[in-house]
């Protein structure tokens, strides 16, 4: 997984853009955990709603935002199988942390936690 940008948007949002690439030699099936565990979100289909951001200094966890129909504001309805070399671009929108926060830990099922820099 690569994150291309983590930028604050007008209105108090933080948007991540990135890509997940199957660098292996075998087909990869995207896990259902990527969609999160909430029943209401699971009903909307495959998504990146399982992604969270953690502000260790501020002691807060940020979840992917939902619209008024409870659909996650993230990439959704992607294909479930990735052949070797296939890529899946994604975006995810979160509430923005306070202006003084410059780093967050990105947590996503199946990947190690990683620090991202905010712009």
PDB file of N, CA and C in Angstrom:
ATOM      1  N   UNK A   1       0.848  -1.162   0.000  1.00  0.00           N
ATOM      2  CA  UNK A   1       0.000   0.000   0.000  1.00  0.00           C
ATOM      3  C   UNK A   1       0.898   1.230   0.000  1.00  0.00           C
ATOM      4  N   UNK A   2       0.543   2.190  -0.846  1.00  0.00           N
ATOM      5  CA  UNK A   2       1.245   3.472  -0.889  1.00  0.00           C
ATOM      6  C   UNK A   2       0.222   4.580  -0.747  1.00  0.00           C
ATOM      7  N   UNK A   3       0.526   5.555   0.100  1.00  0.00           N
ATOM      8  CA  UNK A   3      -0.323   6.737   0.246  1.00  0.00           C
ATOM      9  C   UNK A   3       0.354   7.872  -0.501  1.00  0.00           C
ATOM     10  N   UNK A   4      -0.346   8.443  -1.491  1.00  0.00           N
ATOM     11  CA  UNK A   4       0.198   9.544  -2.293  1.00  0.00           C
ATOM     12  C   UNK A   4       0.011  10.879  -1.607  1.00  0.00           C
ATOM     13  N   UNK A   5      -1.138  11.056  -0.944  1.00  0.00           N
ATOM     14  CA  UNK A   5      -1.377  12.328  -0.282  1.00  0.00           C
ATOM     15  C   UNK A   5      -2.313  12.144   0.898  1.00  0.00           C
ATOM     16  N   UNK A   6      -2.123  12.997   1.880  1.00  0.00           N
ATOM     17  CA  UNK A   6      -2.985  13.092   3.061  1.00  0.00           C
ATOM     18  C   UNK A   6      -3.169  14.588   3.277  1.00  0.00           C
ATOM     19  N   UNK A   7      -4.257  15.115   2.742  1.00  0.00           N
ATOM     20  CA  UNK A   7      -4.422  16.568   2.745  1.00  0.00           C
ATOM     21  C   UNK A   7      -5.716  16.992   3.434  1.00  0.00           C
ATOM     22  N   UNK A   8      -5.606  18.123   4.092  1.00  0.00           N
ATOM     23  CA  UNK A   8      -6.771  18.738   4.726  1.00  0.00           C
ATOM     24  C   UNK A   8      -7.567  19.467   3.643  1.00  0.00           C
ATOM     25  N   UNK A   9      -8.883  19.268   3.681  1.00  0.00           N
ATOM     26  CA  UNK A   9      -9.768  19.931   2.734  1.00  0.00           C
ATOM     27  C   UNK A   9     -10.565  21.003   3.458  1.00  0.00           C
ATOM     28  N   UNK A  10     -11.132  21.911   2.692  1.00  0.00           N
ATOM     29  CA  UNK A  10     -12.024  22.895   3.289  1.00  0.00           C
ATOM     30  C   UNK A  10     -13.203  22.162   3.914  1.00  0.00           C
ATOM     31  N   UNK A  11     -13.696  22.696   5.001  1.00  0.00           N
ATOM     32  CA  UNK A  11     -14.849  22.076   5.645  1.00  0.00           C
ATOM     33  C   UNK A  11     -14.473  21.119   6.756  1.00  0.00           C
ATOM     34  N   UNK A  12     -13.160  20.979   7.046  1.00  0.00           N
ATOM     35  CA  UNK A  12     -12.751  20.139   8.162  1.00  0.00           C
ATOM     36  C   UNK A  12     -12.580  18.666   7.849  1.00  0.00           C
ATOM     37  N   UNK A  13     -12.232  18.351   6.600  1.00  0.00           N
ATOM     38  CA  UNK A  13     -12.027  16.962   6.199  1.00  0.00           C
ATOM     39  C   UNK A  13     -10.548  16.690   5.946  1.00  0.00           C
ATOM     40  N   UNK A  14     -10.181  15.414   6.016  1.00  0.00           N
ATOM     41  CA  UNK A  14      -8.853  14.942   5.656  1.00  0.00           C
ATOM     42  C   UNK A  14      -9.056  13.845   4.625  1.00  0.00           C
ATOM     43  N   UNK A  15      -8.447  13.999   3.454  1.00  0.00           N
ATOM     44  CA  UNK A  15      -8.610  13.016   2.387  1.00  0.00           C
ATOM     45  C   UNK A  15      -7.293  12.322   2.110  1.00  0.00           C
ATOM     46  N   UNK A  16      -7.328  10.997   2.124  1.00  0.00           N
ATOM     47  CA  UNK A  16      -6.175  10.173   1.748  1.00  0.00           C
ATOM     48  C   UNK A  16      -6.366   9.678   0.329  1.00  0.00           C
ATOM     49  N   UNK A  17      -5.301   9.669  -0.449  1.00  0.00           N
ATOM     50  CA  UNK A  17      -5.300   9.075  -1.784  1.00  0.00           C
ATOM     51  C   UNK A  17      -4.122   8.131  -1.847  1.00  0.00           C
ATOM     52  N   UNK A  18      -4.343   6.970  -2.452  1.00  0.00           N
ATOM     53  CA  UNK A  18      -3.255   6.008  -2.545  1.00  0.00           C
ATOM     54  C   UNK A  18      -3.556   4.874  -3.486  1.00  0.00           C
ATOM     55  N   UNK A  19      -2.732   3.841  -3.399  1.00  0.00           N
ATOM     56  CA  UNK A  19      -2.871   2.673  -4.260  1.00  0.00           C
ATOM     57  C   UNK A  19      -2.446   1.432  -3.485  1.00  0.00           C
ATOM     58  N   UNK A  20      -3.120   0.345  -3.776  1.00  0.00           N
ATOM     59  CA  UNK A  20      -2.713  -0.974  -3.285  1.00  0.00           C
ATOM     60  C   UNK A  20      -2.360  -1.791  -4.519  1.00  0.00           C
ATOM     61  N   UNK A  21      -1.177  -2.390  -4.517  1.00  0.00           N
ATOM     62  CA  UNK A  21      -0.721  -3.161  -5.677  1.00  0.00           C
ATOM     63  C   UNK A  21      -0.403  -4.583  -5.248  1.00  0.00           C
ATOM     64  N   UNK A  22      -0.845  -5.530  -6.045  1.00  0.00           N
ATOM     65  CA  UNK A  22      -0.500  -6.934  -5.806  1.00  0.00           C
ATOM     66  C   UNK A  22       0.887  -7.159  -6.391  1.00  0.00           C
ATOM     67  N   UNK A  23       1.889  -7.157  -5.518  1.00  0.00           N
ATOM     68  CA  UNK A  23       3.267  -7.354  -5.963  1.00  0.00           C
ATOM     69  C   UNK A  23       3.674  -8.822  -5.929  1.00  0.00           C
ATOM     70  N   UNK A  24       2.732  -9.679  -5.518  1.00  0.00           N
ATOM     71  CA  UNK A  24       3.031 -11.104  -5.437  1.00  0.00           C
ATOM     72  C   UNK A  24       2.914 -11.797  -6.787  1.00  0.00           C
ATOM     73  N   UNK A  25       3.127 -13.102  -6.775  1.00  0.00           N
ATOM     74  CA  UNK A  25       3.060 -13.889  -8.009  1.00  0.00           C
ATOM     75  C   UNK A  25       1.752 -14.673  -8.122  1.00  0.00           C
ATOM     76  N   UNK A  26       0.863 -14.484  -7.131  1.00  0.00           N
ATOM     77  CA  UNK A  26      -0.418 -15.192  -7.150  1.00  0.00           C
ATOM     78  C   UNK A  26      -1.570 -14.208  -7.025  1.00  0.00           C
ATOM     79  N   UNK A  27      -2.739 -14.692  -7.435  1.00  0.00           N
ATOM     80  CA  UNK A  27      -3.951 -13.886  -7.306  1.00  0.00           C
ATOM     81  C   UNK A  27      -4.231 -13.587  -5.835  1.00  0.00           C
ATOM     82  N   UNK A  28      -4.734 -12.385  -5.561  1.00  0.00           N
ATOM     83  CA  UNK A  28      -5.044 -11.956  -4.200  1.00  0.00           C
ATOM     84  C   UNK A  28      -6.532 -11.628  -4.130  1.00  0.00           C
ATOM     85  N   UNK A  29      -7.206 -12.165  -3.122  1.00  0.00           N
ATOM     86  CA  UNK A  29      -8.612 -11.853  -2.897  1.00  0.00           C
ATOM     87  C   UNK A  29      -8.694 -10.830  -1.783  1.00  0.00           C
ATOM     88  N   UNK A  30      -9.324  -9.701  -2.068  1.00  0.00           N
ATOM     89  CA  UNK A  30      -9.421  -8.643  -1.069  1.00  0.00           C
ATOM     90  C   UNK A  30     -10.259  -9.133   0.108  1.00  0.00           C
ATOM     91  N   UNK A  31      -9.784  -8.942   1.325  1.00  0.00           N
ATOM     92  CA  UNK A  31     -10.502  -9.452   2.495  1.00  0.00           C
ATOM     93  C   UNK A  31     -11.721  -8.596   2.845  1.00  0.00           C
ATOM     94  N   UNK A  32     -12.738  -9.238   3.343  1.00  0.00           N
ATOM     95  CA  UNK A  32     -13.961  -8.554   3.737  1.00  0.00           C
ATOM     96  C   UNK A  32     -13.709  -7.564   4.875  1.00  0.00           C
ATOM     97  N   UNK A  33     -12.655  -7.755   5.667  1.00  0.00           N
ATOM     98  CA  UNK A  33     -12.328  -6.863   6.776  1.00  0.00           C
ATOM     99  C   UNK A  33     -12.009  -5.446   6.304  1.00  0.00           C
ATOM    100  N   UNK A  34     -11.627  -5.283   5.050  1.00  0.00           N
ATOM    101  CA  UNK A  34     -11.366  -3.947   4.529  1.00  0.00           C
ATOM    102  C   UNK A  34     -12.614  -3.077   4.639  1.00  0.00           C
ATOM    103  N   UNK A  35     -13.792  -3.690   4.571  1.00  0.00           N
ATOM    104  CA  UNK A  35     -15.053  -2.947   4.600  1.00  0.00           C
ATOM    105  C   UNK A  35     -15.473  -2.541   6.002  1.00  0.00           C
ATOM    106  N   UNK A  36     -14.782  -3.001   7.012  1.00  0.00           N
ATOM    107  CA  UNK A  36     -15.163  -2.700   8.387  1.00  0.00           C
ATOM    108  C   UNK A  36     -16.135  -3.733   8.933  1.00  0.00           C
ATOM    109  N   UNK A  37     -16.382  -3.643  10.212  1.00  0.00           N
ATOM    110  CA  UNK A  37     -17.200  -4.648  10.886  1.00  0.00           C
ATOM    111  C   UNK A  37     -18.624  -4.191  11.190  1.00  0.00           C
ATOM    112  N   UNK A  38     -18.916  -2.926  10.954  1.00  0.00           N
ATOM    113  CA  UNK A  38     -20.250  -2.424  11.266  1.00  0.00           C
ATOM    114  C   UNK A  38     -21.272  -2.996  10.286  1.00  0.00           C
ATOM    115  N   UNK A  39     -22.373  -3.498  10.800  1.00  0.00           N
ATOM    116  CA  UNK A  39     -23.402  -4.090   9.944  1.00  0.00           C
ATOM    117  C   UNK A  39     -23.970  -3.086   8.958  1.00  0.00           C
ATOM    118  N   UNK A  40     -24.200  -1.851   9.414  1.00  0.00           N
ATOM    119  CA  UNK A  40     -24.793  -0.851   8.528  1.00  0.00           C
ATOM    120  C   UNK A  40     -23.868  -0.509   7.362  1.00  0.00           C
ATOM    121  N   UNK A  41     -22.561  -0.520   7.590  1.00  0.00           N
ATOM    122  CA  UNK A  41     -21.610  -0.231   6.523  1.00  0.00           C
ATOM    123  C   UNK A  41     -21.421  -1.459   5.649  1.00  0.00           C
ATOM    124  N   UNK A  42     -21.411  -2.637   6.230  1.00  0.00           N
ATOM    125  CA  UNK A  42     -21.257  -3.869   5.456  1.00  0.00           C
ATOM    126  C   UNK A  42     -22.377  -4.013   4.428  1.00  0.00           C
ATOM    127  N   UNK A  43     -23.537  -3.496   4.743  1.00  0.00           N
ATOM    128  CA  UNK A  43     -24.678  -3.580   3.828  1.00  0.00           C
ATOM    129  C   UNK A  43     -24.462  -2.752   2.565  1.00  0.00           C
ATOM    130  N   UNK A  44     -23.503  -1.823   2.581  1.00  0.00           N
ATOM    131  CA  UNK A  44     -23.242  -0.985   1.405  1.00  0.00           C
ATOM    132  C   UNK A  44     -22.277  -1.641   0.423  1.00  0.00           C
ATOM    133  N   UNK A  45     -21.720  -2.801   0.771  1.00  0.00           N
ATOM    134  CA  UNK A  45     -20.812  -3.512  -0.122  1.00  0.00           C
ATOM    135  C   UNK A  45     -19.353  -3.279   0.219  1.00  0.00           C
ATOM    136  N   UNK A  46     -18.476  -3.746  -0.659  1.00  0.00           N
ATOM    137  CA  UNK A  46     -17.032  -3.641  -0.424  1.00  0.00           C
ATOM    138  C   UNK A  46     -16.587  -2.189  -0.423  1.00  0.00           C
ATOM    139  N   UNK A  47     -15.759  -1.855   0.564  1.00  0.00           N
ATOM    140  CA  UNK A  47     -15.245  -0.484   0.680  1.00  0.00           C
ATOM    141  C   UNK A  47     -13.961  -0.509   1.500  1.00  0.00           C
ATOM    142  N   UNK A  48     -13.435   0.671   1.774  1.00  0.00           N
ATOM    143  CA  UNK A  48     -12.270   0.825   2.627  1.00  0.00           C
ATOM    144  C   UNK A  48     -12.677   1.381   3.987  1.00  0.00           C
ATOM    145  N   UNK A  49     -13.897   1.121   4.414  1.00  0.00           N
ATOM    146  CA  UNK A  49     -14.421   1.658   5.678  1.00  0.00           C
ATOM    147  C   UNK A  49     -13.702   1.093   6.892  1.00  0.00           C
ATOM    148  N   UNK A  50     -12.937   0.036   6.754  1.00  0.00           N
ATOM    149  CA  UNK A  50     -12.178  -0.527   7.864  1.00  0.00           C
ATOM    150  C   UNK A  50     -10.894   0.241   8.158  1.00  0.00           C
ATOM    151  N   UNK A  51     -10.574   1.241   7.348  1.00  0.00           N
ATOM    152  CA  UNK A  51      -9.375   2.047   7.530  1.00  0.00           C
ATOM    153  C   UNK A  51      -9.606   3.049   8.659  1.00  0.00           C
ATOM    154  N   UNK A  52      -8.610   3.226   9.517  1.00  0.00           N
ATOM    155  CA  UNK A  52      -8.691   4.232  10.577  1.00  0.00           C
ATOM    156  C   UNK A  52      -7.381   5.008  10.649  1.00  0.00           C
ATOM    157  N   UNK A  53      -7.464   6.185  11.237  1.00  0.00           N
ATOM    158  CA  UNK A  53      -6.290   7.013  11.510  1.00  0.00           C
ATOM    159  C   UNK A  53      -6.208   7.211  13.016  1.00  0.00           C
ATOM    160  N   UNK A  54      -5.005   7.133  13.570  1.00  0.00           N
ATOM    161  CA  UNK A  54      -4.818   7.288  15.007  1.00  0.00           C
ATOM    162  C   UNK A  54      -3.870   8.452  15.271  1.00  0.00           C
ATOM    163  N   UNK A  55      -4.336   9.358  16.121  1.00  0.00           N
ATOM    164  CA  UNK A  55      -3.534  10.489  16.592  1.00  0.00           C
ATOM    165  C   UNK A  55      -3.085  10.125  18.006  1.00  0.00           C
ATOM    166  N   UNK A  56      -1.882   9.598  18.132  1.00  0.00           N
ATOM    167  CA  UNK A  56      -1.383   9.154  19.439  1.00  0.00           C
ATOM    168  C   UNK A  56      -1.259  10.308  20.413  1.00  0.00           C
ATOM    169  N   UNK A  57      -0.764  11.452  19.945  1.00  0.00           N
ATOM    170  CA  UNK A  57      -0.599  12.611  20.816  1.00  0.00           C
ATOM    171  C   UNK A  57      -1.929  13.138  21.328  1.00  0.00           C
ATOM    172  N   UNK A  58      -2.909  13.198  20.448  1.00  0.00           N
ATOM    173  CA  UNK A  58      -4.234  13.687  20.822  1.00  0.00           C
ATOM    174  C   UNK A  58      -5.132  12.609  21.392  1.00  0.00           C
ATOM    175  N   UNK A  59      -4.634  11.365  21.375  1.00  0.00           N
ATOM    176  CA  UNK A  59      -5.371  10.207  21.905  1.00  0.00           C
ATOM    177  C   UNK A  59      -6.758  10.081  21.281  1.00  0.00           C
ATOM    178  N   UNK A  60      -6.774  10.105  19.914  1.00  0.00           N
ATOM    179  CA  UNK A  60      -8.031   9.969  19.181  1.00  0.00           C
ATOM    180  C   UNK A  60      -7.856   9.021  18.011  1.00  0.00           C
ATOM    181  N   UNK A  61      -8.942   8.345  17.684  1.00  0.00           N
ATOM    182  CA  UNK A  61      -9.005   7.483  16.504  1.00  0.00           C
ATOM    183  C   UNK A  61     -10.052   8.091  15.574  1.00  0.00           C
ATOM    184  N   UNK A  62      -9.720   8.174  14.296  1.00  0.00           N
ATOM    185  CA  UNK A  62     -10.629   8.736  13.307  1.00  0.00           C
ATOM    186  C   UNK A  62     -11.087   7.635  12.356  1.00  0.00           C
ATOM    187  N   UNK A  63     -12.392   7.579  12.127  1.00  0.00           N
ATOM    188  CA  UNK A  63     -12.998   6.582  11.244  1.00  0.00           C
ATOM    189  C   UNK A  63     -13.400   7.240   9.927  1.00  0.00           C
ATOM    190  N   UNK A  64     -13.507   6.447   8.866  1.00  0.00           N
ATOM    191  CA  UNK A  64     -13.961   6.947   7.573  1.00  0.00           C
ATOM    192  C   UNK A  64     -15.347   7.566   7.756  1.00  0.00           C
ATOM    193  N   UNK A  65     -15.531   8.758   7.179  1.00  0.00           N
ATOM    194  CA  UNK A  65     -16.815   9.441   7.278  1.00  0.00           C
ATOM    195  C   UNK A  65     -17.901   8.690   6.517  1.00  0.00           C
ATOM    196  N   UNK A  66     -19.156   8.924   6.892  1.00  0.00           N
ATOM    197  CA  UNK A  66     -20.324   8.324   6.234  1.00  0.00           C
ATOM    198  C   UNK A  66     -21.202   9.452   5.694  1.00  0.00           C
ATOM    199  N   UNK A  67     -21.936   9.160   4.610  1.00  0.00           N
ATOM    200  CA  UNK A  67     -22.890  10.144   4.113  1.00  0.00           C
ATOM    201  C   UNK A  67     -24.227   9.952   4.841  1.00  0.00           C
ATOM    202  N   UNK A  68     -25.237  10.678   4.432  1.00  0.00           N
ATOM    203  CA  UNK A  68     -26.527  10.627   5.130  1.00  0.00           C
ATOM    204  C   UNK A  68     -27.241   9.287   4.966  1.00  0.00           C
ATOM    205  N   UNK A  69     -26.826   8.478   3.984  1.00  0.00           N
ATOM    206  CA  UNK A  69     -27.380   7.129   3.810  1.00  0.00           C
ATOM    207  C   UNK A  69     -26.481   6.067   4.425  1.00  0.00           C
ATOM    208  N   UNK A  70     -25.519   6.495   5.230  1.00  0.00           N
ATOM    209  CA  UNK A  70     -24.573   5.632   5.941  1.00  0.00           C
ATOM    210  C   UNK A  70     -23.580   4.920   5.028  1.00  0.00           C
ATOM    211  N   UNK A  71     -23.399   5.423   3.819  1.00  0.00           N
ATOM    212  CA  UNK A  71     -22.380   4.875   2.921  1.00  0.00           C
ATOM    213  C   UNK A  71     -21.042   5.518   3.258  1.00  0.00           C
ATOM    214  N   UNK A  72     -19.965   4.739   3.332  1.00  0.00           N
ATOM    215  CA  UNK A  72     -18.658   5.309   3.662  1.00  0.00           C
ATOM    216  C   UNK A  72     -18.140   6.192   2.535  1.00  0.00           C
ATOM    217  N   UNK A  73     -17.483   7.284   2.917  1.00  0.00           N
ATOM    218  CA  UNK A  73     -16.895   8.206   1.937  1.00  0.00           C
ATOM    219  C   UNK A  73     -15.487   7.715   1.608  1.00  0.00           C
ATOM    220  N   UNK A  74     -15.462   6.664   0.811  1.00  0.00           N
ATOM    221  CA  UNK A  74     -14.232   6.002   0.422  1.00  0.00           C
ATOM    222  C   UNK A  74     -14.479   5.210  -0.849  1.00  0.00           C
ATOM    223  N   UNK A  75     -13.423   4.704  -1.440  1.00  0.00           N
ATOM    224  CA  UNK A  75     -13.549   3.842  -2.600  1.00  0.00           C
ATOM    225  C   UNK A  75     -14.419   2.647  -2.236  1.00  0.00           C
ATOM    226  N   UNK A  76     -15.300   2.273  -3.141  1.00  0.00           N
ATOM    227  CA  UNK A  76     -16.178   1.124  -2.890  1.00  0.00           C
ATOM    228  C   UNK A  76     -16.463   0.408  -4.213  1.00  0.00           C
ATOM    229  N   UNK A  77     -17.114  -0.725  -4.119  1.00  0.00           N
ATOM    230  CA  UNK A  77     -17.533  -1.522  -5.281  1.00  0.00           C
ATOM    231  C   UNK A  77     -16.367  -1.904  -6.194  1.00  0.00           C
ATOM    232  N   UNK A  78     -15.207  -2.158  -5.619  1.00  0.00           N
ATOM    233  CA  UNK A  78     -14.054  -2.586  -6.405  1.00  0.00           C
ATOM    234  C   UNK A  78     -14.117  -4.091  -6.617  1.00  0.00           C
ATOM    235  N   UNK A  79     -13.341  -4.573  -7.569  1.00  0.00           N
ATOM    236  CA  UNK A  79     -13.328  -6.020  -7.832  1.00  0.00           C
ATOM    237  C   UNK A  79     -12.641  -6.728  -6.665  1.00  0.00           C
ATOM    238  N   UNK A  80     -13.046  -7.951  -6.417  1.00  0.00           N
ATOM    239  CA  UNK A  80     -12.578  -8.663  -5.235  1.00  0.00           C
ATOM    240  C   UNK A  80     -11.277  -9.430  -5.476  1.00  0.00           C
ATOM    241  N   UNK A  81     -10.902  -9.635  -6.715  1.00  0.00           N
ATOM    242  CA  UNK A  81      -9.677 -10.381  -7.004  1.00  0.00           C
ATOM    243  C   UNK A  81      -8.685  -9.485  -7.738  1.00  0.00           C
ATOM    244  N   UNK A  82      -7.439  -9.572  -7.279  1.00  0.00           N
ATOM    245  CA  UNK A  82      -6.360  -8.816  -7.906  1.00  0.00           C
ATOM    246  C   UNK A  82      -5.328  -9.806  -8.444  1.00  0.00           C
ATOM    247  N   UNK A  83      -5.112  -9.743  -9.733  1.00  0.00           N
ATOM    248  CA  UNK A  83      -4.095 -10.590 -10.360  1.00  0.00           C
ATOM    249  C   UNK A  83      -2.719  -9.999 -10.051  1.00  0.00           C
ATOM    250  N   UNK A  84      -1.648 -10.797 -10.194  1.00  0.00           N
ATOM    251  CA  UNK A  84      -0.309 -10.251  -9.985  1.00  0.00           C
ATOM    252  C   UNK A  84      -0.094  -9.002 -10.851  1.00  0.00           C
ATOM    253  N   UNK A  85       0.399  -7.938 -10.225  1.00  0.00           N
ATOM    254  CA  UNK A  85       0.644  -6.687 -10.935  1.00  0.00           C
ATOM    255  C   UNK A  85      -0.538  -5.728 -10.951  1.00  0.00           C
ATOM    256  N   UNK A  86      -1.742  -6.204 -10.604  1.00  0.00           N
ATOM    257  CA  UNK A  86      -2.916  -5.329 -10.576  1.00  0.00           C
ATOM    258  C   UNK A  86      -2.787  -4.283  -9.473  1.00  0.00           C
ATOM    259  N   UNK A  87      -3.367  -3.117  -9.724  1.00  0.00           N
ATOM    260  CA  UNK A  87      -3.395  -2.038  -8.743  1.00  0.00           C
ATOM    261  C   UNK A  87      -4.828  -1.600  -8.495  1.00  0.00           C
ATOM    262  N   UNK A  88      -5.057  -1.102  -7.298  1.00  0.00           N
ATOM    263  CA  UNK A  88      -6.368  -0.583  -6.904  1.00  0.00           C
ATOM    264  C   UNK A  88      -6.138   0.777  -6.261  1.00  0.00           C
ATOM    265  N   UNK A  89      -6.524   1.849  -6.957  1.00  0.00           N
ATOM    266  CA  UNK A  89      -6.384   3.172  -6.368  1.00  0.00           C
ATOM    267  C   UNK A  89      -7.526   3.386  -5.380  1.00  0.00           C
ATOM    268  N   UNK A  90      -7.272   4.202  -4.372  1.00  0.00           N
ATOM    269  CA  UNK A  90      -8.306   4.431  -3.368  1.00  0.00           C
ATOM    270  C   UNK A  90      -8.249   5.854  -2.842  1.00  0.00           C
ATOM    271  N   UNK A  91      -9.371   6.258  -2.265  1.00  0.00           N
ATOM    272  CA  UNK A  91      -9.440   7.485  -1.476  1.00  0.00           C
ATOM    273  C   UNK A  91     -10.245   7.152  -0.238  1.00  0.00           C
ATOM    274  N   UNK A  92     -10.044   7.902   0.806  1.00  0.00           N
ATOM    275  CA  UNK A  92     -10.835   7.768   2.034  1.00  0.00           C
ATOM    276  C   UNK A  92     -10.880   9.134   2.689  1.00  0.00           C
ATOM    277  N   UNK A  93     -12.064   9.505   3.156  1.00  0.00           N
ATOM    278  CA  UNK A  93     -12.225  10.816   3.779  1.00  0.00           C
ATOM    279  C   UNK A  93     -12.552  10.651   5.255  1.00  0.00           C
ATOM    280  N   UNK A  94     -11.861  11.448   6.084  1.00  0.00           N
ATOM    281  CA  UNK A  94     -11.965  11.394   7.534  1.00  0.00           C
ATOM    282  C   UNK A  94     -12.245  12.794   8.072  1.00  0.00           C
ATOM    283  N   UNK A  95     -12.693  12.883   9.343  1.00  0.00           N
ATOM    284  CA  UNK A  95     -12.693  14.199   9.979  1.00  0.00           C
ATOM    285  C   UNK A  95     -11.234  14.636  10.127  1.00  0.00           C
ATOM    286  N   UNK A  96     -10.959  15.910   9.912  1.00  0.00           N
ATOM    287  CA  UNK A  96      -9.583  16.396  10.035  1.00  0.00           C
ATOM    288  C   UNK A  96      -9.204  16.544  11.504  1.00  0.00           C
ATOM    289  N   UNK A  97      -7.997  16.122  11.859  1.00  0.00           N
ATOM    290  CA  UNK A  97      -7.508  16.340  13.228  1.00  0.00           C
ATOM    291  C   UNK A  97      -7.182  17.819  13.426  1.00  0.00           C
ATOM    292  N   UNK A  98      -6.888  18.232  14.649  1.00  0.00           N
ATOM    293  CA  UNK A  98      -6.527  19.635  14.900  1.00  0.00           C
ATOM    294  C   UNK A  98      -5.366  20.091  14.013  1.00  0.00           C
ATOM    295  N   UNK A  99      -5.322  21.394  13.737  1.00  0.00           N
ATOM    296  CA  UNK A  99      -4.316  21.969  12.834  1.00  0.00           C
ATOM    297  C   UNK A  99      -2.883  21.656  13.247  1.00  0.00           C
ATOM    298  N   UNK A 100      -2.600  21.520  14.533  1.00  0.00           N
ATOM    299  CA  UNK A 100      -1.254  21.237  15.002  1.00  0.00           C
ATOM    300  C   UNK A 100      -0.801  19.805  14.788  1.00  0.00           C
ATOM    301  N   UNK A 101      -1.704  18.927  14.420  1.00  0.00           N
ATOM    302  CA  UNK A 101      -1.361  17.514  14.193  1.00  0.00           C
ATOM    303  C   UNK A 101      -0.735  17.376  12.811  1.00  0.00           C
ATOM    304  N   UNK A 102       0.478  16.856  12.754  1.00  0.00           N
ATOM    305  CA  UNK A 102       1.194  16.717  11.483  1.00  0.00           C
ATOM    306  C   UNK A 102       1.434  15.267  11.083  1.00  0.00           C
ATOM    307  N   UNK A 103       1.246  14.329  12.029  1.00  0.00           N
ATOM    308  CA  UNK A 103       1.442  12.909  11.739  1.00  0.00           C
ATOM    309  C   UNK A 103       0.303  12.107  12.334  1.00  0.00           C
ATOM    310  N   UNK A 104      -0.100  11.068  11.605  1.00  0.00           N
ATOM    311  CA  UNK A 104      -1.109  10.117  12.082  1.00  0.00           C
ATOM    312  C   UNK A 104      -0.646   8.714  11.733  1.00  0.00           C
ATOM    313  N   UNK A 105      -1.111   7.743  12.484  1.00  0.00           N
ATOM    314  CA  UNK A 105      -0.856   6.345  12.151  1.00  0.00           C
ATOM    315  C   UNK A 105      -2.024   5.836  11.320  1.00  0.00           C
ATOM    316  N   UNK A 106      -1.735   5.309  10.153  1.00  0.00           N
ATOM    317  CA  UNK A 106      -2.736   4.708   9.287  1.00  0.00           C
ATOM    318  C   UNK A 106      -2.836   3.239   9.641  1.00  0.00           C
ATOM    319  N   UNK A 107      -4.043   2.792   9.963  1.00  0.00           N
ATOM    320  CA  UNK A 107      -4.268   1.379  10.276  1.00  0.00           C
ATOM    321  C   UNK A 107      -5.314   0.840   9.306  1.00  0.00           C
ATOM    322  N   UNK A 108      -4.972  -0.294   8.680  1.00  0.00           N
ATOM    323  CA  UNK A 108      -5.846  -0.908   7.695  1.00  0.00           C
ATOM    324  C   UNK A 108      -5.677  -2.417   7.804  1.00  0.00           C
ATOM    325  N   UNK A 109      -6.767  -3.165   7.910  1.00  0.00           N
ATOM    326  CA  UNK A 109      -6.679  -4.615   8.109  1.00  0.00           C
ATOM    327  C   UNK A 109      -5.768  -5.300   7.086  1.00  0.00           C
ATOM    328  N   UNK A 110      -4.837  -6.081   7.589  1.00  0.00           N
ATOM    329  CA  UNK A 110      -3.929  -6.842   6.748  1.00  0.00           C
ATOM    330  C   UNK A 110      -2.610  -6.151   6.462  1.00  0.00           C
ATOM    331  N   UNK A 111      -2.462  -4.903   6.896  1.00  0.00           N
ATOM    332  CA  UNK A 111      -1.229  -4.148   6.668  1.00  0.00           C
ATOM    333  C   UNK A 111      -0.675  -3.685   8.007  1.00  0.00           C
ATOM    334  N   UNK A 112       0.638  -3.547   8.114  1.00  0.00           N
ATOM    335  CA  UNK A 112       1.193  -2.998   9.353  1.00  0.00           C
ATOM    336  C   UNK A 112       0.825  -1.521   9.478  1.00  0.00           C
ATOM    337  N   UNK A 113       0.676  -1.062  10.690  1.00  0.00           N
ATOM    338  CA  UNK A 113       0.409   0.341  10.939  1.00  0.00           C
ATOM    339  C   UNK A 113       1.593   1.158  10.417  1.00  0.00           C
ATOM    340  N   UNK A 114       1.292   2.301   9.811  1.00  0.00           N
ATOM    341  CA  UNK A 114       2.346   3.146   9.259  1.00  0.00           C
ATOM    342  C   UNK A 114       2.044   4.608   9.546  1.00  0.00           C
ATOM    343  N   UNK A 115       3.078   5.402   9.691  1.00  0.00           N
ATOM    344  CA  UNK A 115       2.923   6.823   9.955  1.00  0.00           C
ATOM    345  C   UNK A 115       2.808   7.571   8.644  1.00  0.00           C
ATOM    346  N   UNK A 116       1.845   8.498   8.586  1.00  0.00           N
ATOM    347  CA  UNK A 116       1.699   9.349   7.416  1.00  0.00           C
ATOM    348  C   UNK A 116       1.847  10.810   7.834  1.00  0.00           C
ATOM    349  N   UNK A 117       2.357  11.610   6.927  1.00  0.00           N
ATOM    350  CA  UNK A 117       2.540  13.046   7.142  1.00  0.00           C
ATOM    351  C   UNK A 117       1.361  13.788   6.523  1.00  0.00           C
ATOM    352  N   UNK A 118       0.833  14.770   7.220  1.00  0.00           N
ATOM    353  CA  UNK A 118      -0.276  15.557   6.720  1.00  0.00           C
ATOM    354  C   UNK A 118       0.213  16.800   5.996  1.00  0.00           C
ATOM    355  N   UNK A 119      -0.507  17.185   4.958  1.00  0.00           N
ATOM    356  CA  UNK A 119      -0.181  18.423   4.242  1.00  0.00           C
ATOM    357  C   UNK A 119      -1.349  19.384   4.331  1.00  0.00           C
TER     358      UNK A 119
END
